[in-house]
Amino acid sequence: MDFKDQLKQLGEKVCKLKDTVQTEEATKMAFILPFLNALDYDVSNPSEVVPEFTCNLGIKKGEKIDYAIFKNGEPIILVECKHCKQNLSLHEGQLLRYFHVSKARFGILTNGIEYRFYSDLAEPNKMDEKPFLEINFENLKDEAIEAVKKFHKSYFDLETISDIASELKYMKELKAVINSEISSPSEDFVRVLARQVYPGVISQKWLNFFTDLVKRAFSQTINEIISDRLESAIKAGEENKELTGAAVVPPDDEDDKDDNKDYGEATEEELDGVKIVKAILSRRVSADRLSCKNKKYYISITLDGRKQHTS
């Protein structure tokens, strides 16, 4: 079983058992230790994983963090664990204190469902206030799995991960800024764009005018990009069908073995995606010809009952 399948399987376990786990220790045993095992660290080997690792905090001696992962005799990752129903935002300061007195360059704060990865990208030996990576086993994404894979024992390289951590940190922050500007364009941003198309003085009247235009332009541009890509995919599928004389059907996967199996309700994000697809396709087909079904790893959208494989 490859790493991606291991995490997917662990995600299913987390979703199934999260309501039955009553203590922090049970959270460690059921969720967190299997995660460390998936990263190929031997939790039974004290030279790799040290439970209750001592981090002396000034005059406070004997303070312990739940786990420290070692490489070549030095701690490389600190792991602070909480009960699966705990809000991690209430415990970030605790991991920060341990990080400060350790040689480890990475810290993980987790409740077995959510994992927050920290480093010292802004200032050496001082843990950043915000994590550079967050994953949630209730909504596990492929890109997050690929990022976590860099912490696998077989791939772990301090310099490489530090570079990736920097990229993830600033990409996350840029995406947050972009999303903010899309939903509510700032005055500075509107002025930058307006100057590209309007040669005159941008008074308050023109600023208000362009603020509305920028917001609408973002929305229309995003919809046009999605529409163009979908139409290209549909066209490519039709051309392939003409060449082969048959519809393109992907190989059966685990989800198709039991087409009537109930995988629970789709997430809000998935439903939003389905709405976008239906809205775009409605330009070409009637909405009542489209239907969808929640699969294990994807949402399946069908046209006239014909199976289409949609990630």
Foldseek 3Di string as FASTA:
>chain_A
DALVVLLLVLLVQCVVCLVVQDFQVSLCVNFVVSVVVSLVFDCVDCQAKPAQCWQAQVVRGSHGAGIFGDDPNFTAETEHEGALVDDQVVCPVVQQRSQLRGPHQWYWYYNRFKIFIWGQLPHPSGIDPHGLAMAGSNDGDPVNSVLCNCSRPVNPDPVVNSVVSVVSNVVVVVVVVVVCCLVFNDLVRLVVVCVVPDVDDCDPVNSVVSRVVSNVVSVVVVLVVVLVVVVVVVVVQVVVCVVVVHGDDDDDDPQVVDVPDAPDDDDPVQVVVVVSVLVSCCVPPPSVQWDWDDTSNHIWIDGNPDTDDDD
